[in-house]
Amino acid sequence: MTAESRSSGPLEGLRVVDVSTVIAAPYCATILGEFGAEVVKVEHPLGGDALRNFGTPSQRGDTLTWLSEARNKQSVTIDLHRPDGVEIFKKLISRSDILCENFRTGTLEKWGLGWEVLRKINPGLIMLRVTGYGQTGPYKSRPGFARVAHAVGGIAYLAGMPRGAPVTPGSTTLADYMTGLYGCIGVLMALRHRELTGEGQYIDAALYESVFRCTDELAPAYGMYGTVRERRGPSHNDFACPHGHFPTKDGKWVAISCATDKLFSRLATAMDRPELASSSTYGEQKVRLEHCQDVNEIVRDWCGSLTREEVLERCYQTHTPAGPLNNIADIFGDRQFHARANLTSVQVPDTDETLMVPSVFPRLSESPGKLRSLGPKLGEHTDQVLRDLLGMSDAEIAALHEKRVV
């Protein structure tokens, strides 16, 4: 499967200006671009988005992260610290629908490009504002990063072994992607509101808030009973047992989840221990939760006596919810990922590299998204946008280059 040429999508006809950096707000713009929106990525002429330098370098000089995550965007360089750059940006906003930014609170206002200024230029503008702590509150001026958001939002405290040090909950950038997704939801709802009323608006999204929103009953349990959940390691037994990660004989891991008595009965059958699911042993969830350590030990011993494939095959045969803990090599060899085309192969322009990247998601039956291009070179589309979109002459563009405004 290769990247497809531009064709219509559900968001075709919309123009997004992405003036943000790294992952959170840019990820929102990327999703919009995958589904047909035109995305103009505005970067500083010297260096551009810091994401260009995050991760493994490519032959082209930027990184694999940039090539994958800045897909479907046009790179335009504008120095927003310069008056001429500010005026160009305002013209661009006047011809656009959506702006994605994630500067520290007050930065765009300092440059004369805050919400009150931009909404006068374009009353229908939808503006996504991503920061560490939001546009209001006592922490609004603090810098924010995903790792800090995991901590402040309450999820990092839960990751790790009991009485051990809290660890990173998966990817260090999880909060960035989560906030980008919430931001995209906000943009789509704002588009619907504009369709009904003609009015634009801004979306105020904080990294820590996206994390906090995904903590199930953490808040109500504390608010009602004063319960403070602690680290549980690979087995989480508040609601179900067994419900966790178990090592296998070949040094690998499986995930098993038995949220009901019926599912535990299936697991007991897979283990050739049907008596474990009787009413006199562990057949009821309440009993299993009361004796979760014993139940987990039984399951752990069983898994440890077999290879991962043997454990999974027995679970699959009995329809017990289970799966492998995949590393990326496992994912590349997984039949489900191939059947669903979850990986897309793309030729990197101006190199002999072929890049495998995650495919477009979600899947729409009638208007699917498309991967049209990888992350662009810095300033690759500057002259094209200034000429074709803003109507500048070659002489005007040359003068801007001479003054290093673009």
Protein backbone atom coordinates (compact mmCIF):
# COMPACT_ATOMS: atom_id res chain seq x y z
CA MET A 1 0.00 0.00 0.00
CA THR A 2 1.40 3.41 -0.92
CA ALA A 3 0.47 7.02 -0.17
CA GLU A 4 -2.39 8.12 -2.37
CA SER A 5 -2.67 11.28 -4.41
CA ARG A 6 -4.95 14.05 -3.21
CA SER A 7 -8.67 13.43 -3.65
CA SER A 8 -11.83 14.55 -1.95
CA GLY A 9 -12.45 13.93 1.73
CA PRO A 10 -15.13 14.94 4.22
CA LEU A 11 -13.12 18.03 5.24
CA GLU A 12 -12.09 19.11 1.75
CA GLY A 13 -12.52 22.85 1.27
CA LEU A 14 -11.38 23.66 4.80
CA ARG A 15 -8.02 25.33 5.39
CA VAL A 16 -6.08 24.76 8.60
CA VAL A 17 -3.18 26.92 9.75
CA ASP A 18 -0.92 24.92 12.03
CA VAL A 19 1.40 27.29 13.86
CA SER A 20 1.96 24.87 16.74
CA THR A 21 4.99 22.75 17.51
CA VAL A 22 5.93 19.18 18.45
CA ILE A 23 2.86 16.90 18.86
CA ALA A 24 -0.35 17.92 20.65
CA ALA A 25 -1.97 20.64 18.51
CA PRO A 26 -0.06 19.53 15.38
CA TYR A 27 -1.60 16.07 15.79
CA CYS A 28 -5.06 17.61 15.58
CA ALA A 29 -4.05 19.35 12.35
CA THR A 30 -2.63 16.08 11.01
CA ILE A 31 -5.93 14.26 11.57
CA LEU A 32 -7.85 17.07 9.85
CA GLY A 33 -5.41 16.88 6.93
CA GLU A 34 -5.85 13.13 6.60
CA PHE A 35 -9.54 13.68 5.98
CA GLY A 36 -9.21 16.29 3.28
CA ALA A 37 -8.45 19.64 4.91
CA GLU A 38 -5.61 21.72 3.48
CA VAL A 39 -3.02 22.20 6.23
CA VAL A 40 -0.53 25.06 6.08
CA LYS A 41 2.24 24.46 8.58
CA VAL A 42 3.73 27.81 9.67
CA GLU A 43 7.29 27.49 11.00
CA HIS A 44 10.07 29.85 12.01
CA PRO A 45 12.57 30.28 9.14
CA LEU A 46 15.47 29.22 11.38
CA GLY A 47 15.06 25.60 12.36
CA GLY A 48 11.30 25.26 12.14
CA ASP A 49 9.27 22.95 14.36
CA ALA A 50 11.39 21.26 17.04
CA LEU A 51 9.75 17.96 16.09
CA ARG A 52 12.05 17.92 13.05
CA ASN A 53 14.84 17.00 15.49
CA PHE A 54 12.98 14.51 17.72
CA GLY A 55 13.80 10.85 17.20
CA THR A 56 15.79 8.90 14.63
CA PRO A 57 17.38 10.98 11.83
CA SER A 58 16.39 10.19 8.26
CA GLN A 59 18.59 10.42 5.19
CA ARG A 60 16.93 13.74 4.39
CA GLY A 61 18.14 15.32 7.65
CA ASP A 62 14.89 15.60 9.60
CA THR A 63 13.60 12.70 11.70
CA LEU A 64 11.36 9.70 11.19
CA THR A 65 9.00 11.22 13.75
CA TRP A 66 8.67 14.36 11.64
CA LEU A 67 8.11 12.44 8.41
CA SER A 68 5.33 10.41 9.98
CA GLU A 69 3.59 12.97 12.20
CA ALA A 70 3.76 16.01 9.88
CA ARG A 71 2.10 14.12 7.05
CA ASN A 72 -0.16 15.91 4.54
CA LYS A 73 1.11 19.41 5.44
CA GLN A 74 2.60 22.30 3.50
CA SER A 75 5.54 24.02 5.19
CA VAL A 76 5.58 27.82 5.08
CA THR A 77 8.22 29.80 6.96
CA ILE A 78 7.19 33.11 8.58
CA ASP A 79 8.99 35.02 11.32
CA LEU A 80 6.14 36.08 13.64
CA HIS A 81 8.50 38.27 15.65
CA ARG A 82 8.66 40.67 12.68
CA PRO A 83 5.86 43.14 11.75
CA ASP A 84 5.90 41.98 8.13
CA GLY A 85 5.56 38.39 9.32
CA VAL A 86 2.60 39.30 11.53
CA GLU A 87 0.83 40.94 8.58
CA ILE A 88 1.40 37.88 6.37
CA PHE A 89 0.01 35.66 9.12
CA LYS A 90 -3.08 37.83 9.45
CA LYS A 91 -3.71 37.57 5.71
CA LEU A 92 -3.37 33.82 5.96
CA ILE A 93 -5.87 33.70 8.84
CA SER A 94 -8.35 35.80 6.88
CA ARG A 95 -8.40 33.04 4.25
CA SER A 96 -8.52 30.08 6.63
CA ASP A 97 -11.04 28.18 8.75
CA ILE A 98 -9.05 26.69 11.62
CA LEU A 99 -5.94 27.70 13.58
CA CYS A 100 -4.01 25.24 15.76
CA GLU A 101 -1.54 26.73 18.25
CA ASN A 102 0.19 25.54 21.42
CA PHE A 103 2.43 28.39 22.54
CA ARG A 104 2.60 29.19 26.22
CA THR A 105 -0.43 31.19 27.39
CA GLY A 106 -0.16 34.83 26.31
CA THR A 107 2.48 34.34 23.60
CA LEU A 108 0.25 35.06 20.60
CA GLU A 109 -1.24 38.02 22.47
CA LYS A 110 2.27 39.39 22.96
CA TRP A 111 2.82 39.18 19.20
CA GLY A 112 -0.48 40.96 18.47
CA LEU A 113 -2.10 37.73 17.28
CA GLY A 114 -4.40 36.83 20.15
CA TRP A 115 -7.96 35.58 19.85
CA GLU A 116 -9.60 39.01 20.05
CA VAL A 117 -7.43 40.27 17.18
CA LEU A 118 -7.85 37.22 14.97
CA ARG A 119 -11.62 36.90 15.44
CA LYS A 120 -12.03 40.46 14.12
CA ILE A 121 -10.05 39.50 11.03
CA ASN A 122 -12.06 36.30 10.60
CA PRO A 123 -15.30 36.04 12.65
CA GLY A 124 -15.76 32.42 11.60
CA LEU A 125 -12.32 31.34 12.75
CA ILE A 126 -12.04 28.22 14.92
CA MET A 127 -8.93 28.31 17.08
CA LEU A 128 -7.51 25.35 18.98
CA ARG A 129 -5.33 26.47 21.88
CA VAL A 130 -3.30 23.72 23.58
CA THR A 131 -1.18 24.46 26.64
CA GLY A 132 0.05 22.56 29.65
CA TYR A 133 -2.54 24.00 32.04
CA GLY A 134 -5.05 25.95 29.94
CA GLN A 135 -5.71 29.63 29.31
CA THR A 136 -6.92 30.28 32.88
CA GLY A 137 -6.06 29.33 36.45
CA PRO A 138 -3.03 29.86 38.70
CA TYR A 139 -0.81 27.53 36.60
CA LYS A 140 -1.67 29.01 33.21
CA SER A 141 1.82 30.49 32.63
CA ARG A 142 3.74 27.34 33.51
CA PRO A 143 5.39 25.38 30.69
CA GLY A 144 3.78 22.02 30.06
CA PHE A 145 5.01 18.76 28.59
CA ALA A 146 3.33 15.37 28.28
CA ARG A 147 5.47 13.73 30.97
CA VAL A 148 4.48 16.47 33.41
CA ALA A 149 0.84 16.18 32.35
CA HIS A 150 0.88 12.45 33.12
CA ALA A 151 2.04 13.35 36.61
CA VAL A 152 -0.33 16.24 37.27
CA GLY A 153 -3.34 14.47 35.69
CA GLY A 154 -2.99 11.48 38.01
CA ILE A 155 -2.04 8.63 35.69
CA ALA A 156 1.73 8.45 36.30
CA TYR A 157 1.16 7.89 40.02
CA LEU A 158 -0.67 4.66 39.15
CA ALA A 159 1.98 3.25 36.79
CA GLY A 160 4.52 0.85 38.25
CA MET A 161 4.82 -1.89 40.83
CA PRO A 162 3.32 -1.68 44.34
CA ARG A 163 5.63 0.34 46.63
CA GLY A 164 7.94 0.88 43.64
CA ALA A 165 8.81 4.08 41.80
CA PRO A 166 6.12 5.52 39.50
CA VAL A 167 7.05 4.87 35.87
CA THR A 168 6.17 6.33 32.50
CA PRO A 169 2.67 5.15 31.49
CA GLY A 170 3.60 3.83 28.06
CA SER A 171 4.75 6.51 25.63
CA THR A 172 6.23 9.69 27.07
CA THR A 173 4.04 11.59 24.57
CA LEU A 174 0.72 9.93 25.40
CA ALA A 175 -0.82 13.16 26.76
CA ASP A 176 0.14 15.00 23.56
CA TYR A 177 -1.73 12.53 21.38
CA MET A 178 -4.70 12.40 23.76
CA THR A 179 -4.98 16.20 23.82
CA GLY A 180 -4.65 16.35 20.04
CA LEU A 181 -7.56 13.93 19.77
CA TYR A 182 -9.71 15.90 22.22
CA GLY A 183 -8.74 19.05 20.35
CA CYS A 184 -9.87 17.50 17.09
CA ILE A 185 -13.21 16.60 18.64
CA GLY A 186 -13.55 20.21 19.79
CA VAL A 187 -12.73 21.54 16.33
CA LEU A 188 -15.32 19.29 14.68
CA MET A 189 -18.00 20.36 17.18
CA ALA A 190 -17.05 24.00 16.62
CA LEU A 191 -17.39 23.49 12.87
CA ARG A 192 -20.92 22.20 13.43
CA HIS A 193 -21.69 25.22 15.64
CA ARG A 194 -20.37 27.54 12.91
CA GLU A 195 -22.51 25.74 10.36
CA LEU A 196 -25.58 26.48 12.48
CA THR A 197 -24.74 30.02 13.60
CA GLY A 198 -21.93 31.37 11.43
CA GLU A 199 -19.87 32.01 14.58
CA GLY A 200 -16.32 30.91 15.23
CA GLN A 201 -14.91 30.12 18.66
CA TYR A 202 -11.78 28.89 20.39
CA ILE A 203 -11.13 25.56 22.09
CA ASP A 204 -9.09 25.71 25.31
CA ALA A 205 -7.37 22.33 25.85
CA ALA A 206 -4.85 21.54 28.60
CA LEU A 207 -2.55 18.54 28.50
CA TYR A 208 -3.25 17.54 32.10
CA GLU A 209 -7.01 17.68 31.50
CA SER A 210 -6.94 15.07 28.74
CA VAL A 211 -5.09 12.74 31.11
CA PHE A 212 -7.42 13.42 34.04
CA ARG A 213 -10.49 12.77 31.87
CA CYS A 214 -9.34 9.17 31.35
CA THR A 215 -9.06 8.06 34.99
CA ASP A 216 -12.35 6.10 35.25
CA GLU A 217 -13.69 6.21 38.86
CA LEU A 218 -10.62 7.79 40.44
CA ALA A 219 -12.45 11.06 41.23
CA PRO A 220 -15.83 9.70 42.35
CA ALA A 221 -14.19 7.02 44.53
CA TYR A 222 -12.10 9.61 46.34
CA GLY A 223 -14.92 12.14 46.54
CA MET A 224 -17.34 9.64 48.06
CA TYR A 225 -15.11 7.34 50.12
CA GLY A 226 -11.70 9.02 50.31
CA THR A 227 -10.16 6.12 48.35
CA VAL A 228 -6.68 6.78 46.98
CA ARG A 229 -5.78 4.16 44.37
CA GLU A 230 -2.18 3.00 44.56
CA ARG A 231 0.09 1.32 42.04
CA ARG A 232 -0.99 -2.25 41.30
CA GLY A 233 1.67 -3.43 38.84
CA PRO A 234 0.57 -5.64 35.93
CA SER A 235 -2.62 -6.85 37.66
CA HIS A 236 -5.44 -4.40 38.28
CA ASN A 237 -8.09 -6.01 40.44
CA ASP A 238 -10.58 -3.30 41.41
CA PHE A 239 -13.33 -4.63 39.16
CA ALA A 240 -12.27 -8.02 37.83
CA CYS A 241 -9.98 -10.95 38.55
CA PRO A 242 -7.90 -12.21 36.87
CA HIS A 243 -7.30 -9.00 34.96
CA GLY A 244 -3.66 -8.34 34.16
CA HIS A 245 -0.38 -9.36 32.52
CA PHE A 246 1.17 -12.78 33.02
CA PRO A 247 4.65 -14.07 32.00
CA THR A 248 4.98 -17.20 29.87
CA LYS A 249 7.61 -19.96 29.77
CA ASP A 250 9.41 -18.43 26.77
CA GLY A 251 10.02 -15.07 28.48
CA LYS A 252 7.06 -13.30 26.86
CA TRP A 253 3.83 -11.91 28.29
CA VAL A 254 0.11 -12.24 27.75
CA ALA A 255 -2.82 -10.08 28.84
CA ILE A 256 -5.87 -11.88 30.24
CA SER A 257 -9.11 -10.20 31.27
CA CYS A 258 -12.01 -12.02 32.94
CA ALA A 259 -14.58 -9.36 33.74
CA THR A 260 -17.45 -11.80 34.32
CA ASP A 261 -17.99 -15.21 35.91
CA LYS A 262 -18.71 -16.68 32.48
CA LEU A 263 -15.36 -15.49 31.17
CA PHE A 264 -13.55 -16.93 34.16
CA SER A 265 -15.28 -20.24 33.53
CA ARG A 266 -13.86 -20.18 30.00
CA LEU A 267 -10.40 -19.52 31.38
CA ALA A 268 -10.74 -22.37 33.86
CA THR A 269 -11.62 -24.65 30.95
CA ALA A 270 -8.59 -23.41 28.99
CA MET A 271 -6.45 -24.25 32.02
CA ASP A 272 -8.00 -27.74 32.30
CA ARG A 273 -9.13 -26.68 35.77
CA PRO A 274 -12.94 -26.36 35.42
CA GLU A 275 -13.36 -26.87 39.16
CA LEU A 276 -11.88 -23.39 39.73
CA ALA A 277 -15.09 -21.89 38.36
CA SER A 278 -17.42 -23.80 40.71
CA SER A 279 -19.52 -22.01 43.31
CA SER A 280 -17.44 -23.61 46.06
CA THR A 281 -14.15 -22.14 44.79
CA TYR A 282 -13.68 -19.03 42.63
CA GLY A 283 -16.77 -19.09 40.44
CA GLU A 284 -18.09 -15.73 41.68
CA GLN A 285 -16.40 -12.43 40.95
CA LYS A 286 -16.84 -11.27 44.53
CA VAL A 287 -14.92 -14.29 45.79
CA ARG A 288 -12.20 -13.88 43.21
CA LEU A 289 -11.72 -10.25 44.17
CA GLU A 290 -11.45 -11.23 47.84
CA HIS A 291 -8.81 -13.83 46.94
CA CYS A 292 -7.30 -12.08 43.92
CA GLN A 293 -3.71 -12.80 44.96
CA ASP A 294 -4.42 -16.53 45.08
CA VAL A 295 -6.29 -16.48 41.76
CA ASN A 296 -3.53 -14.50 40.07
CA GLU A 297 -0.92 -16.95 41.37
CA ILE A 298 -2.85 -19.87 39.87
CA VAL A 299 -3.11 -18.12 36.50
CA ARG A 300 0.53 -16.99 36.67
CA ASP A 301 1.73 -20.55 37.34
CA TRP A 302 -0.34 -21.87 34.44
CA CYS A 303 0.97 -19.24 32.01
CA GLY A 304 4.52 -19.85 33.22
CA SER A 305 4.24 -23.53 32.32
CA LEU A 306 3.47 -22.83 28.65
CA THR A 307 4.81 -20.71 25.79
CA ARG A 308 2.97 -17.58 24.83
CA GLU A 309 1.52 -19.20 21.73
CA GLU A 310 0.32 -22.20 23.73
CA VAL A 311 -1.42 -19.98 26.30
CA LEU A 312 -3.06 -17.86 23.63
CA GLU A 313 -4.18 -20.84 21.56
CA ARG A 314 -5.96 -22.36 24.56
CA CYS A 315 -7.57 -19.00 25.37
CA TYR A 316 -8.69 -18.49 21.79
CA GLN A 317 -10.19 -21.99 21.64
CA THR A 318 -12.33 -21.27 24.71
CA HIS A 319 -13.09 -17.65 23.72
CA THR A 320 -11.26 -16.27 26.75
CA PRO A 321 -10.27 -12.60 26.26
CA ALA A 322 -6.49 -12.69 25.90
CA GLY A 323 -3.75 -11.26 23.73
CA PRO A 324 0.01 -10.93 23.44
CA LEU A 325 1.93 -7.98 24.85
CA ASN A 326 3.32 -6.94 21.48
CA ASN A 327 6.55 -5.10 20.91
CA ILE A 328 6.90 -3.35 17.56
CA ALA A 329 8.58 -6.38 15.98
CA ASP A 330 5.56 -8.45 17.01
CA ILE A 331 3.25 -5.85 15.49
CA PHE A 332 5.08 -5.96 12.15
CA GLY A 333 4.52 -9.72 12.05
CA ASP A 334 0.92 -9.67 13.31
CA ARG A 335 -1.63 -10.97 10.79
CA GLN A 336 -4.35 -8.66 12.10
CA PHE A 337 -2.25 -5.56 11.49
CA HIS A 338 -1.55 -6.75 7.94
CA ALA A 339 -5.16 -7.71 7.24
CA ARG A 340 -6.34 -4.30 8.39
CA ALA A 341 -3.50 -2.48 6.57
CA ASN A 342 -2.51 -0.71 9.79
CA LEU A 343 0.92 0.05 8.34
CA THR A 344 1.51 2.08 5.19
CA SER A 345 4.71 2.02 3.13
CA VAL A 346 5.75 5.41 1.73
CA GLN A 347 8.76 6.43 -0.33
CA VAL A 348 10.65 9.31 1.30
CA PRO A 349 11.12 12.02 -1.36
CA ASP A 350 14.72 12.75 -2.42
CA THR A 351 16.03 9.61 -0.70
CA ASP A 352 16.17 5.87 -1.30
CA GLU A 353 14.36 5.25 2.01
CA THR A 354 10.98 3.61 2.29
CA LEU A 355 9.16 4.47 5.49
CA MET A 356 6.57 2.36 7.30
CA VAL A 357 4.12 4.56 9.20
CA PRO A 358 0.83 4.01 11.04
CA SER A 359 -2.07 4.19 8.61
CA VAL A 360 -4.91 6.70 8.74
CA PHE A 361 -7.42 6.14 11.54
CA PRO A 362 -10.40 6.09 12.09
CA ARG A 363 -11.89 4.24 9.13
CA LEU A 364 -14.82 5.85 7.33
CA SER A 365 -16.74 3.61 4.95
CA GLU A 366 -17.72 6.29 2.41
CA SER A 367 -15.12 9.04 2.83
CA PRO A 368 -11.92 7.48 4.17
CA GLY A 369 -8.89 9.53 5.04
CA LYS A 370 -5.72 9.39 2.96
CA LEU A 371 -2.00 9.70 3.44
CA ARG A 372 -0.93 12.01 0.61
CA SER A 373 2.56 13.03 1.67
CA LEU A 374 5.10 12.72 4.47
CA GLY A 375 6.36 15.63 6.58
CA PRO A 376 7.59 18.42 4.28
CA LYS A 377 11.00 20.05 4.06
CA LEU A 378 11.31 23.32 5.97
CA GLY A 379 9.77 26.10 3.88
CA GLU A 380 9.05 23.75 0.98
CA HIS A 381 5.74 25.47 0.13
CA THR A 382 6.46 29.06 1.21
CA ASP A 383 6.62 30.65 -2.24
CA GLN A 384 3.67 28.61 -3.52
CA VAL A 385 1.39 29.70 -0.65
CA LEU A 386 2.48 33.34 -0.76
CA ARG A 387 1.93 33.47 -4.51
CA ASP A 388 -1.13 31.30 -5.06
CA LEU A 389 -3.05 31.87 -1.82
CA LEU A 390 -2.06 35.39 -0.76
CA GLY A 391 -1.57 36.78 -4.26
CA MET A 392 1.95 38.15 -3.76
CA SER A 393 4.18 38.92 -6.70
CA ASP A 394 7.57 37.32 -7.29
CA ALA A 395 9.21 40.64 -6.42
CA GLU A 396 7.34 40.88 -3.11
CA ILE A 397 8.27 37.31 -2.23
CA ALA A 398 11.91 37.93 -3.13
CA ALA A 399 11.95 40.99 -0.88
CA LEU A 400 10.57 38.98 2.05
CA HIS A 401 13.29 36.39 1.54
CA GLU A 402 15.89 39.14 1.41
CA LYS A 403 14.68 40.55 4.73
CA ARG A 404 14.49 36.99 6.17
CA VAL A 405 10.85 37.43 7.08
CA VAL A 406 10.16 34.11 5.35
